[in-house]
Amino acid sequence: MKKCLLLTRVSTKYQDFTPQEEDLKKYANDLGYEVAGIISTKESGFRTIERKDGFKQVKEFFSTNPDCRTLIITELSRLSRYDDVLIHCKTYFKEHKIQLIVKDINFRLFDENGNYNYSSDITFNLFATIASSEMQQKRERFSRAKTALRDSGYVVGGKALFGYTIVEVEGKRKTLEINETQAEQIRKVYAMYLEGKSISKIKIECIAQGFDKYLHSTTNLHKCLRESAYIGSKTTNNKRRNYQFYELGKTDVDEYVVSSYTYNHYPQIVDIELFNKVQEMLTINCPEKSSKHISILAKLLYVAECDCTLIAEVKKQSAYSCKRECRFQNACGKKRYSVSMKTLDSVVWQYLKENIEMIEQEQ
């Protein structure tokens, strides 16, 4: 009897994949297959191929079970919700001669003789595109529904901001109520700052008066004084990982980019006029510093031994280093070539200051 592997997936920890397993077992037996293994995962269908634990387990199973060359799933979305991930999976099945059977659409990747069928390829790509399009529409519906709930004053995920308490109303729906004790402490913090007290002195005062521990931190006091939610509304920037930074290795771009904005309603704690006066004082007393670091020599320094230009690594060690691939390729020895950014930048600036007239003449 031919052997097969069954793959099931659910999106949340509260869902049960037992019905999927039982349904696929019966389907496989009706097709004349012996079930050699079952892989069941609880992961989002929106994961990229690098984070697809279920597909990683599938590849590992087939690599250690050469007598089993068939995978049976209920629908394509059990593999992924993204069409590019589905195409990646299809390519793997083709290269390793693994039959893919999709129950709900009665689909087979190879014909009865084990030959690759180009009409099946077109069908697969079509259903992959449809699955991706359907989920995009579903995500947009979810987004609109969340927006509607927020506009109505309901809480959609996350923790309560200091000064508020989450309470259940109308069944499972939740909303925010003012925590009167914390709110009164917030108002006193604003009043103290308006009187001219520094953040450090306000912190000491909060500790002395037995205020909430949240206000025993200068960082939290800064957040509290800048928190626009306290005047009734807050717009948050929803960020996503920057593909160019993480996948392409570009160091001159931001790690995260804004993908969308969310407008949230809050019960008002602080008077708008008071809030604006505090913001004016903060602008003068505590101007926000830029976290952008300019690496003047990044990609300008060249190392002949490993034939690569040095990149800037600010967060880890503030150094100019050759690319990570150098270490794995052993092109420049066991350790990557690295030089202190502070030292090298200082040398360059000193040279420029001493030779600025000569440089201007040459230009």
Protein backbone atom coordinates (compact mmCIF):
# COMPACT_ATOMS: atom_id res chain seq x y z
CA MET A 1 0.00 0.00 0.00
CA LYS A 2 1.26 3.50 -0.87
CA LYS A 3 2.19 5.76 2.05
CA CYS A 4 1.27 9.40 2.58
CA LEU A 5 1.84 12.28 4.94
CA LEU A 6 -1.08 14.39 6.21
CA LEU A 7 -0.70 18.08 6.97
CA THR A 8 -3.20 20.11 9.01
CA ARG A 9 -3.00 23.65 10.35
CA VAL A 10 -5.06 25.96 12.53
CA SER A 11 -4.39 29.64 13.16
CA THR A 12 -4.91 29.98 16.91
CA LYS A 13 -4.16 27.93 20.01
CA TYR A 14 -7.89 27.71 20.79
CA GLN A 15 -8.74 25.84 17.56
CA ASP A 16 -8.70 22.06 17.33
CA PHE A 17 -7.24 20.31 14.30
CA THR A 18 -8.65 16.87 15.23
CA PRO A 19 -11.59 17.19 12.76
CA GLN A 20 -9.11 17.96 9.95
CA GLU A 21 -7.00 14.94 10.89
CA GLU A 22 -9.95 12.53 10.98
CA ASP A 23 -11.32 13.87 7.70
CA LEU A 24 -7.97 13.49 5.93
CA LYS A 25 -7.40 9.98 7.36
CA LYS A 26 -10.68 8.79 5.84
CA TYR A 27 -9.93 10.53 2.55
CA ALA A 28 -6.45 8.99 2.36
CA ASN A 29 -7.77 5.49 3.11
CA ASP A 30 -10.45 5.86 0.43
CA LEU A 31 -7.67 6.69 -2.06
CA GLY A 32 -5.77 3.57 -1.02
CA TYR A 33 -3.06 5.26 1.05
CA GLU A 34 -1.54 4.20 4.35
CA VAL A 35 -1.01 7.18 6.66
CA ALA A 36 2.71 7.22 7.51
CA GLY A 37 2.61 10.44 9.51
CA ILE A 38 0.56 13.45 10.51
CA ILE A 39 1.94 16.97 10.98
CA SER A 40 -0.39 19.36 12.78
CA THR A 41 0.64 22.92 13.54
CA LYS A 42 -0.91 25.95 15.17
CA GLU A 43 0.52 28.88 13.20
CA SER A 44 -0.69 31.80 11.13
CA GLY A 45 -1.21 31.26 7.43
CA PHE A 46 0.48 34.62 6.85
CA ARG A 47 3.95 33.46 7.90
CA THR A 48 6.78 33.80 5.40
CA ILE A 49 8.53 30.69 4.09
CA GLU A 50 11.42 31.22 6.55
CA ARG A 51 8.99 31.05 9.50
CA LYS A 52 6.76 28.23 8.26
CA ASP A 53 7.39 25.59 10.92
CA GLY A 54 4.84 23.24 9.36
CA PHE A 55 6.55 23.22 5.97
CA LYS A 56 9.95 22.77 7.64
CA GLN A 57 8.59 19.64 9.34
CA VAL A 58 7.20 18.44 5.99
CA LYS A 59 10.63 18.70 4.33
CA GLU A 60 12.30 17.00 7.28
CA PHE A 61 9.77 14.14 7.14
CA PHE A 62 10.28 13.49 3.43
CA SER A 63 14.07 13.66 3.78
CA THR A 64 13.98 10.88 6.41
CA ASN A 65 11.17 8.80 4.84
CA PRO A 66 12.18 8.09 1.22
CA ASP A 67 9.44 5.43 0.84
CA CYS A 68 6.72 8.07 1.36
CA ARG A 69 6.29 10.52 -1.53
CA THR A 70 2.76 11.91 -1.12
CA LEU A 71 1.40 14.84 0.86
CA ILE A 72 -2.35 15.23 1.38
CA ILE A 73 -3.95 18.46 2.62
CA THR A 74 -7.53 19.69 2.89
CA GLU A 75 -7.01 22.96 1.01
CA LEU A 76 -4.09 25.03 -0.28
CA SER A 77 -4.39 27.52 2.57
CA ARG A 78 -3.17 24.79 4.95
CA LEU A 79 0.24 25.33 3.34
CA SER A 80 0.05 29.13 3.26
CA ARG A 81 -2.14 32.16 2.59
CA TYR A 82 0.55 33.81 0.43
CA ASP A 83 0.82 32.94 -3.25
CA ASP A 84 4.62 33.34 -3.34
CA VAL A 85 4.98 30.87 -0.44
CA LEU A 86 2.68 28.43 -2.21
CA ILE A 87 4.77 28.68 -5.39
CA HIS A 88 7.89 27.98 -3.32
CA CYS A 89 6.23 24.86 -1.88
CA LYS A 90 5.18 23.71 -5.34
CA THR A 91 8.73 24.06 -6.63
CA TYR A 92 10.00 21.91 -3.76
CA PHE A 93 7.42 19.19 -4.54
CA LYS A 94 8.33 19.21 -8.24
CA GLU A 95 12.07 18.98 -7.60
CA HIS A 96 11.70 16.11 -5.11
CA LYS A 97 8.96 14.24 -7.03
CA ILE A 98 6.47 14.52 -4.17
CA GLN A 99 2.82 14.14 -5.09
CA LEU A 100 0.57 16.84 -3.66
CA ILE A 101 -3.11 16.03 -3.26
CA VAL A 102 -5.57 18.76 -2.25
CA LYS A 103 -8.84 17.22 -1.07
CA ASP A 104 -11.32 20.08 -1.43
CA ILE A 105 -10.51 20.80 -5.09
CA ASN A 106 -9.60 17.21 -6.05
CA PHE A 107 -6.17 18.40 -7.21
CA ARG A 108 -3.03 16.37 -8.01
CA LEU A 109 0.34 17.87 -8.91
CA PHE A 110 1.46 14.79 -10.88
CA ASP A 111 -0.62 12.54 -13.11
CA GLU A 112 -1.21 8.80 -12.51
CA ASN A 113 2.07 7.93 -14.28
CA GLY A 114 4.07 10.28 -12.06
CA ASN A 115 4.58 12.85 -14.82
CA TYR A 116 4.39 16.56 -14.20
CA ASN A 117 1.21 17.98 -15.65
CA TYR A 118 1.45 21.56 -16.96
CA SER A 119 -2.31 22.01 -16.79
CA SER A 120 -2.03 21.17 -13.09
CA ASP A 121 0.67 23.81 -12.80
CA ILE A 122 -1.70 26.43 -14.21
CA THR A 123 -4.50 25.24 -11.91
CA PHE A 124 -2.22 25.40 -8.86
CA ASN A 125 -1.08 28.93 -9.69
CA LEU A 126 -4.67 30.02 -10.22
CA PHE A 127 -5.86 28.65 -6.87
CA ALA A 128 -2.77 30.11 -5.15
CA THR A 129 -3.67 33.55 -6.52
CA ILE A 130 -7.30 33.14 -5.45
CA ALA A 131 -6.31 32.03 -1.93
CA SER A 132 -4.00 35.02 -1.55
CA SER A 133 -6.64 37.42 -2.90
CA GLU A 134 -9.35 36.04 -0.60
CA MET A 135 -7.16 36.45 2.46
CA GLN A 136 -6.22 39.98 1.47
CA GLN A 137 -9.92 40.81 1.29
CA LYS A 138 -10.45 39.08 4.62
CA ARG A 139 -7.68 41.10 6.25
CA GLU A 140 -9.17 44.30 4.87
CA ARG A 141 -12.58 43.33 6.30
CA PHE A 142 -10.98 42.62 9.69
CA SER A 143 -9.18 45.96 9.53
CA ARG A 144 -12.40 47.81 8.74
CA ALA A 145 -14.20 45.98 11.54
CA LYS A 146 -11.46 46.89 14.03
CA THR A 147 -11.56 50.50 12.89
CA ALA A 148 -15.33 50.59 13.38
CA LEU A 149 -14.98 49.17 16.90
CA ARG A 150 -12.29 51.72 17.80
CA ASP A 151 -14.43 54.54 16.44
CA SER A 152 -17.23 53.33 18.72
CA GLY A 153 -14.90 53.48 21.74
CA TYR A 154 -14.20 49.76 22.09
CA VAL A 155 -10.79 48.23 22.87
CA VAL A 156 -9.24 45.99 20.21
CA GLY A 157 -6.29 44.16 21.78
CA GLY A 158 -3.34 45.50 23.75
CA LYS A 159 -2.85 46.56 27.36
CA ALA A 160 -4.49 49.47 29.09
CA LEU A 161 -2.54 52.72 29.03
CA PHE A 162 -1.57 54.09 32.45
CA GLY A 163 -4.56 56.05 33.70
CA TYR A 164 -7.17 53.67 32.27
CA THR A 165 -8.79 50.33 33.07
CA ILE A 166 -10.21 47.86 30.55
CA VAL A 167 -13.76 46.74 31.42
CA GLU A 168 -16.06 44.27 29.67
CA VAL A 169 -19.32 45.54 28.22
CA GLU A 170 -21.91 43.87 26.00
CA GLY A 171 -20.54 40.37 26.36
CA LYS A 172 -17.00 39.96 25.05
CA ARG A 173 -16.53 43.56 23.91
CA LYS A 174 -14.32 45.79 26.01
CA THR A 175 -13.97 49.49 26.56
CA LEU A 176 -11.80 51.89 28.56
CA GLU A 177 -12.71 53.60 31.81
CA ILE A 178 -10.67 56.23 33.62
CA ASN A 179 -8.74 54.93 36.63
CA GLU A 180 -9.54 57.87 38.89
CA THR A 181 -6.59 57.29 41.26
CA GLN A 182 -4.04 57.16 38.43
CA ALA A 183 -5.78 59.99 36.56
CA GLU A 184 -5.51 62.32 39.56
CA GLN A 185 -1.79 61.51 39.82
CA ILE A 186 -1.35 62.30 36.10
CA ARG A 187 -3.02 65.71 36.55
CA LYS A 188 -0.72 66.48 39.51
CA VAL A 189 2.34 65.54 37.42
CA TYR A 190 1.23 67.96 34.69
CA ALA A 191 0.61 70.69 37.27
CA MET A 192 4.04 70.18 38.85
CA TYR A 193 5.76 70.42 35.49
CA LEU A 194 3.82 73.59 34.63
CA GLU A 195 5.03 75.06 37.94
CA GLY A 196 8.59 74.70 36.64
CA LYS A 197 9.72 71.53 38.42
CA SER A 198 12.18 69.31 36.53
CA ILE A 199 11.43 65.69 35.64
CA SER A 200 13.90 64.50 38.29
CA LYS A 201 12.25 66.59 41.02
CA ILE A 202 8.79 65.39 39.93
CA LYS A 203 10.03 61.81 40.21
CA ILE A 204 11.20 62.45 43.80
CA GLU A 205 7.86 64.08 44.60
CA CYS A 206 5.92 61.11 43.14
CA ILE A 207 7.88 58.70 45.31
CA ALA A 208 7.43 60.88 48.41
CA GLN A 209 3.65 61.13 47.89
CA GLY A 210 3.29 57.38 47.27
CA PHE A 211 2.17 57.69 43.66
CA ASP A 212 1.92 54.60 41.46
CA LYS A 213 5.30 52.93 40.75
CA TYR A 214 4.84 53.71 37.06
CA LEU A 215 5.56 57.35 37.92
CA HIS A 216 8.77 56.48 39.80
CA SER A 217 10.64 56.43 36.48
CA THR A 218 11.89 59.49 34.58
CA THR A 219 11.30 57.63 31.31
CA ASN A 220 7.66 56.98 32.19
CA LEU A 221 7.22 60.57 33.35
CA HIS A 222 8.43 61.77 29.94
CA LYS A 223 5.93 59.42 28.28
CA CYS A 224 3.16 60.59 30.58
CA LEU A 225 3.78 64.27 29.79
CA ARG A 226 3.80 63.61 26.03
CA GLU A 227 0.85 61.18 25.93
CA SER A 228 -1.79 62.62 23.59
CA ALA A 229 -4.32 59.95 24.62
CA TYR A 230 -4.93 61.91 27.82
CA ILE A 231 -6.68 64.67 25.84
CA GLY A 232 -9.12 62.23 24.22
CA SER A 233 -7.48 60.67 21.17
CA LYS A 234 -4.27 59.11 19.91
CA THR A 235 -2.94 58.21 16.47
CA THR A 236 -0.47 55.33 16.45
CA ASN A 237 1.94 54.39 13.68
CA ASN A 238 1.72 50.71 12.79
CA LYS A 239 5.17 49.63 11.66
CA ARG A 240 6.47 46.61 9.78
CA ARG A 241 9.96 45.20 9.26
CA ASN A 242 11.75 46.90 6.40
CA TYR A 243 12.42 44.32 3.68
CA GLN A 244 15.42 46.28 2.36
CA PHE A 245 17.10 46.31 5.79
CA TYR A 246 16.48 42.69 6.82
CA GLU A 247 16.51 40.89 3.46
CA LEU A 248 18.76 43.03 1.25
CA GLY A 249 21.14 44.06 4.03
CA LYS A 250 20.95 47.81 3.36
CA THR A 251 22.29 49.73 6.36
CA ASP A 252 21.29 53.22 5.18
CA VAL A 253 17.55 52.56 5.62
CA ASP A 254 15.31 52.29 8.69
CA GLU A 255 14.74 48.89 10.30
CA TYR A 256 10.97 49.51 10.44
CA VAL A 257 8.70 51.55 8.21
CA VAL A 258 5.19 52.88 8.85
CA SER A 259 2.60 50.69 7.14
CA SER A 260 -0.60 52.31 8.42
CA TYR A 261 -2.10 54.61 11.04
CA THR A 262 -4.62 53.78 13.77
CA TYR A 263 -6.85 56.41 15.36
CA ASN A 264 -7.98 55.59 18.90
CA HIS A 265 -10.49 57.30 21.20
CA TYR A 266 -9.79 57.67 24.94
CA PRO A 267 -11.75 59.19 27.82
CA GLN A 268 -10.21 62.63 28.46
CA ILE A 269 -8.02 63.01 31.57
CA VAL A 270 -6.08 66.24 30.94
CA ASP A 271 -7.39 69.59 29.74
CA ILE A 272 -6.28 70.39 26.17
CA GLU A 273 -5.02 73.86 27.08
CA LEU A 274 -2.92 72.43 29.93
CA PHE A 275 -1.55 69.70 27.64
CA ASN A 276 -0.51 72.21 24.97
CA LYS A 277 1.29 74.41 27.50
CA VAL A 278 3.23 71.38 28.76
CA GLN A 279 4.19 70.43 25.20
CA GLU A 280 5.56 73.95 24.62
CA MET A 281 7.68 73.68 27.75
CA LEU A 282 8.90 70.19 26.79
CA THR A 283 9.96 71.47 23.37
CA ILE A 284 12.19 74.03 25.06
CA ASN A 285 13.42 71.98 28.03
CA CYS A 286 13.57 68.48 26.55
CA PRO A 287 13.92 68.60 22.75
CA GLU A 288 13.62 65.17 21.17
CA LYS A 289 16.96 63.87 19.94
CA SER A 290 17.38 62.22 16.59
CA SER A 291 18.40 58.55 16.73
CA LYS A 292 19.65 58.64 13.15
CA HIS A 293 23.37 57.88 12.96
CA ILE A 294 25.28 59.00 9.89
CA SER A 295 28.16 56.68 9.04
CA ILE A 296 30.40 58.81 6.83
CA LEU A 297 32.66 55.98 5.63
CA ALA A 298 30.14 53.15 5.21
CA LYS A 299 30.62 51.34 1.88
CA LEU A 300 33.59 53.58 1.06
CA LEU A 301 36.28 51.46 2.74
CA TYR A 302 37.62 48.51 0.79
CA VAL A 303 39.37 45.37 2.09
CA ALA A 304 41.49 43.66 -0.56
CA GLU A 305 41.85 40.35 1.34
CA CYS A 306 38.15 39.54 1.11
CA ASP A 307 37.28 41.83 -1.81
CA CYS A 308 34.44 43.68 -0.07
CA THR A 309 33.53 47.12 1.23
CA LEU A 310 33.02 47.73 4.94
CA ILE A 311 29.53 48.29 6.31
CA ALA A 312 28.55 50.23 9.45
CA GLU A 313 27.42 48.34 12.55
CA VAL A 314 26.30 51.08 14.91
CA LYS A 315 24.13 49.24 17.42
CA LYS A 316 26.41 46.30 18.13
CA GLN A 317 29.89 47.75 18.40
CA SER A 318 30.06 51.07 16.51
CA ALA A 319 32.51 49.73 13.98
CA TYR A 320 33.11 49.39 10.27
CA SER A 321 33.11 45.68 9.44
CA CYS A 322 33.20 43.51 6.36
CA LYS A 323 30.02 41.66 5.46
CA ARG A 324 28.86 38.69 7.49
CA GLU A 325 29.38 36.40 4.50
CA CYS A 326 33.14 36.88 4.84
CA ARG A 327 33.23 34.94 8.08
CA PHE A 328 31.30 32.01 6.67
CA GLN A 329 33.38 31.95 3.50
CA ASN A 330 36.56 32.29 5.59
CA ALA A 331 37.72 34.94 3.13
CA CYS A 332 39.42 37.05 5.78
CA GLY A 333 40.23 34.46 8.43
CA LYS A 334 38.22 33.23 11.39
CA LYS A 335 37.13 36.73 12.37
CA ARG A 336 35.58 39.41 10.19
CA TYR A 337 37.72 42.46 9.57
CA SER A 338 36.59 45.30 11.83
CA VAL A 339 37.84 48.77 12.78
CA SER A 340 36.54 51.23 15.37
CA MET A 341 34.12 53.75 13.85
CA LYS A 342 35.02 56.43 16.42
CA THR A 343 38.75 56.10 15.78
CA LEU A 344 38.54 56.04 12.00
CA ASP A 345 36.01 58.89 11.78
CA SER A 346 38.25 61.02 14.05
CA VAL A 347 41.27 60.42 11.82
CA VAL A 348 39.31 61.35 8.70
CA TRP A 349 37.85 64.52 10.26
CA GLN A 350 41.29 65.58 11.48
CA TYR A 351 42.76 65.08 8.01
CA LEU A 352 39.96 67.10 6.42
CA LYS A 353 40.42 69.99 8.86
CA GLU A 354 44.17 70.12 8.27
CA ASN A 355 43.91 69.88 4.49
CA ILE A 356 40.67 71.71 3.71
CA GLU A 357 42.42 74.44 1.68
CA MET A 358 44.26 71.92 -0.47
CA ILE A 359 41.05 69.95 -1.07
CA GLU A 360 39.15 73.08 -2.11
CA GLN A 361 41.91 74.03 -4.56
CA GLU A 362 41.86 70.57 -6.16
CA GLN A 363 38.11 70.85 -6.70
